[in-house]
Amino acid sequence: MIELVKTTNAVRLTYLQSLLDSANIPFVVFDQHISMLEAGIGAFPRRIMVEKPFLFSARSILQDAREFYND
């Protein structure tokens, strides 16, 4: 799996997931459950990971939406 983007913004994470779901691109969110350890302060970024065959399509979708950046 390859890291597509990472974010600490929960709302943006949901939006990115929605974009990828709409395009039927499979992905996995890494570090999503770390919030239990950090007391929900959002200090650790969540990473959206995709498999290599879907990387180009996923990047294109996020670039079109102007969401292909890390925050």
C-alpha atoms as a PDB file:
ATOM      1  CA  MET A   1       0.000   0.000   0.000  1.00  0.00           C
ATOM      2  CA  ILE A   2       1.170   3.513  -0.810  1.00  0.00           C
ATOM      3  CA  GLU A   3       0.374   6.670   1.139  1.00  0.00           C
ATOM      4  CA  LEU A   4      -1.890   8.960  -0.841  1.00  0.00           C
ATOM      5  CA  VAL A   5      -2.428  11.788   1.660  1.00  0.00           C
ATOM      6  CA  LYS A   6      -2.315  12.382   5.389  1.00  0.00           C
ATOM      7  CA  THR A   7      -4.410  14.758   7.442  1.00  0.00           C
ATOM      8  CA  THR A   8      -5.260  15.653  11.013  1.00  0.00           C
ATOM      9  CA  ASN A   9      -8.585  17.183   9.943  1.00  0.00           C
ATOM     10  CA  ALA A  10     -11.418  14.721  10.610  1.00  0.00           C
ATOM     11  CA  VAL A  11     -13.858  16.561   8.335  1.00  0.00           C
ATOM     12  CA  ARG A  12     -11.371  16.581   5.453  1.00  0.00           C
ATOM     13  CA  LEU A  13     -10.679  12.885   6.029  1.00  0.00           C
ATOM     14  CA  THR A  14     -14.377  12.132   5.616  1.00  0.00           C
ATOM     15  CA  TYR A  15     -14.494  14.225   2.435  1.00  0.00           C
ATOM     16  CA  LEU A  16     -11.466  12.427   0.965  1.00  0.00           C
ATOM     17  CA  GLN A  17     -13.010   9.071   1.772  1.00  0.00           C
ATOM     18  CA  SER A  18     -16.209  10.160   0.057  1.00  0.00           C
ATOM     19  CA  LEU A  19     -14.317  11.183  -3.094  1.00  0.00           C
ATOM     20  CA  LEU A  20     -12.538   7.843  -3.279  1.00  0.00           C
ATOM     21  CA  ASP A  21     -15.685   5.865  -2.486  1.00  0.00           C
ATOM     22  CA  SER A  22     -17.559   7.663  -5.264  1.00  0.00           C
ATOM     23  CA  ALA A  23     -14.873   6.598  -7.735  1.00  0.00           C
ATOM     24  CA  ASN A  24     -14.894   2.992  -6.449  1.00  0.00           C
ATOM     25  CA  ILE A  25     -11.236   3.225  -5.444  1.00  0.00           C
ATOM     26  CA  PRO A  26     -10.386   0.893  -2.571  1.00  0.00           C
ATOM     27  CA  PHE A  27      -8.415   2.465   0.261  1.00  0.00           C
ATOM     28  CA  VAL A  28      -7.507   1.945   3.890  1.00  0.00           C
ATOM     29  CA  VAL A  29      -7.174   4.618   6.578  1.00  0.00           C
ATOM     30  CA  PHE A  30      -4.091   4.013   8.710  1.00  0.00           C
ATOM     31  CA  ASP A  31      -3.702   5.403  12.236  1.00  0.00           C
ATOM     32  CA  GLN A  32      -7.431   5.999  12.588  1.00  0.00           C
ATOM     33  CA  HIS A  33      -7.594   4.389  16.005  1.00  0.00           C
ATOM     34  CA  ILE A  34      -4.594   6.206  17.456  1.00  0.00           C
ATOM     35  CA  SER A  35      -7.057   8.816  18.755  1.00  0.00           C
ATOM     36  CA  MET A  36      -7.798   6.474  21.647  1.00  0.00           C
ATOM     37  CA  LEU A  37      -4.200   6.881  22.746  1.00  0.00           C
ATOM     38  CA  GLU A  38      -3.970  10.626  22.119  1.00  0.00           C
ATOM     39  CA  ALA A  39      -7.199  11.524  23.957  1.00  0.00           C
ATOM     40  CA  GLY A  40      -8.845  12.804  20.772  1.00  0.00           C
ATOM     41  CA  ILE A  41      -6.647  15.902  20.309  1.00  0.00           C
ATOM     42  CA  GLY A  42      -5.913  15.165  16.642  1.00  0.00           C
ATOM     43  CA  ALA A  43      -2.126  15.388  16.920  1.00  0.00           C
ATOM     44  CA  PHE A  44      -1.411  12.326  14.799  1.00  0.00           C
ATOM     45  CA  PRO A  45      -2.300  12.461  11.113  1.00  0.00           C
ATOM     46  CA  ARG A  46      -4.469   9.770   9.590  1.00  0.00           C
ATOM     47  CA  ARG A  47      -3.090   8.323   6.359  1.00  0.00           C
ATOM     48  CA  ILE A  48      -5.141   7.259   3.368  1.00  0.00           C
ATOM     49  CA  MET A  49      -3.430   4.350   1.681  1.00  0.00           C
ATOM     50  CA  VAL A  50      -4.169   2.856  -1.749  1.00  0.00           C
ATOM     51  CA  GLU A  51      -2.765  -0.062  -3.670  1.00  0.00           C
ATOM     52  CA  LYS A  52      -0.346   0.762  -6.472  1.00  0.00           C
ATOM     53  CA  PRO A  53      -2.734  -0.027  -9.372  1.00  0.00           C
ATOM     54  CA  PHE A  54      -5.163   2.614  -8.052  1.00  0.00           C
ATOM     55  CA  LEU A  55      -2.586   5.298  -7.208  1.00  0.00           C
ATOM     56  CA  PHE A  56      -2.778   7.264 -10.477  1.00  0.00           C
ATOM     57  CA  SER A  57      -6.587   7.349 -10.473  1.00  0.00           C
ATOM     58  CA  ALA A  58      -6.736   8.319  -6.803  1.00  0.00           C
ATOM     59  CA  ARG A  59      -4.213  11.135  -7.274  1.00  0.00           C
ATOM     60  CA  SER A  60      -6.117  12.429 -10.304  1.00  0.00           C
ATOM     61  CA  ILE A  61      -9.392  12.528  -8.393  1.00  0.00           C
ATOM     62  CA  LEU A  62      -7.867  14.395  -5.467  1.00  0.00           C
ATOM     63  CA  GLN A  63      -6.013  16.798  -7.770  1.00  0.00           C
ATOM     64  CA  ASP A  64      -9.248  17.600  -9.626  1.00  0.00           C
ATOM     65  CA  ALA A  65     -10.876  18.364  -6.268  1.00  0.00           C
ATOM     66  CA  ARG A  66      -7.792  20.393  -5.198  1.00  0.00           C
ATOM     67  CA  GLU A  67      -7.344  18.060  -2.235  1.00  0.00           C
ATOM     68  CA  PHE A  68      -4.034  16.393  -3.114  1.00  0.00           C
ATOM     69  CA  TYR A  69      -1.906  17.762  -0.277  1.00  0.00           C
ATOM     70  CA  ASN A  70      -0.897  16.827   3.254  1.00  0.00           C
ATOM     71  CA  ASP A  71      -1.934  18.932   6.224  1.00  0.00           C
END
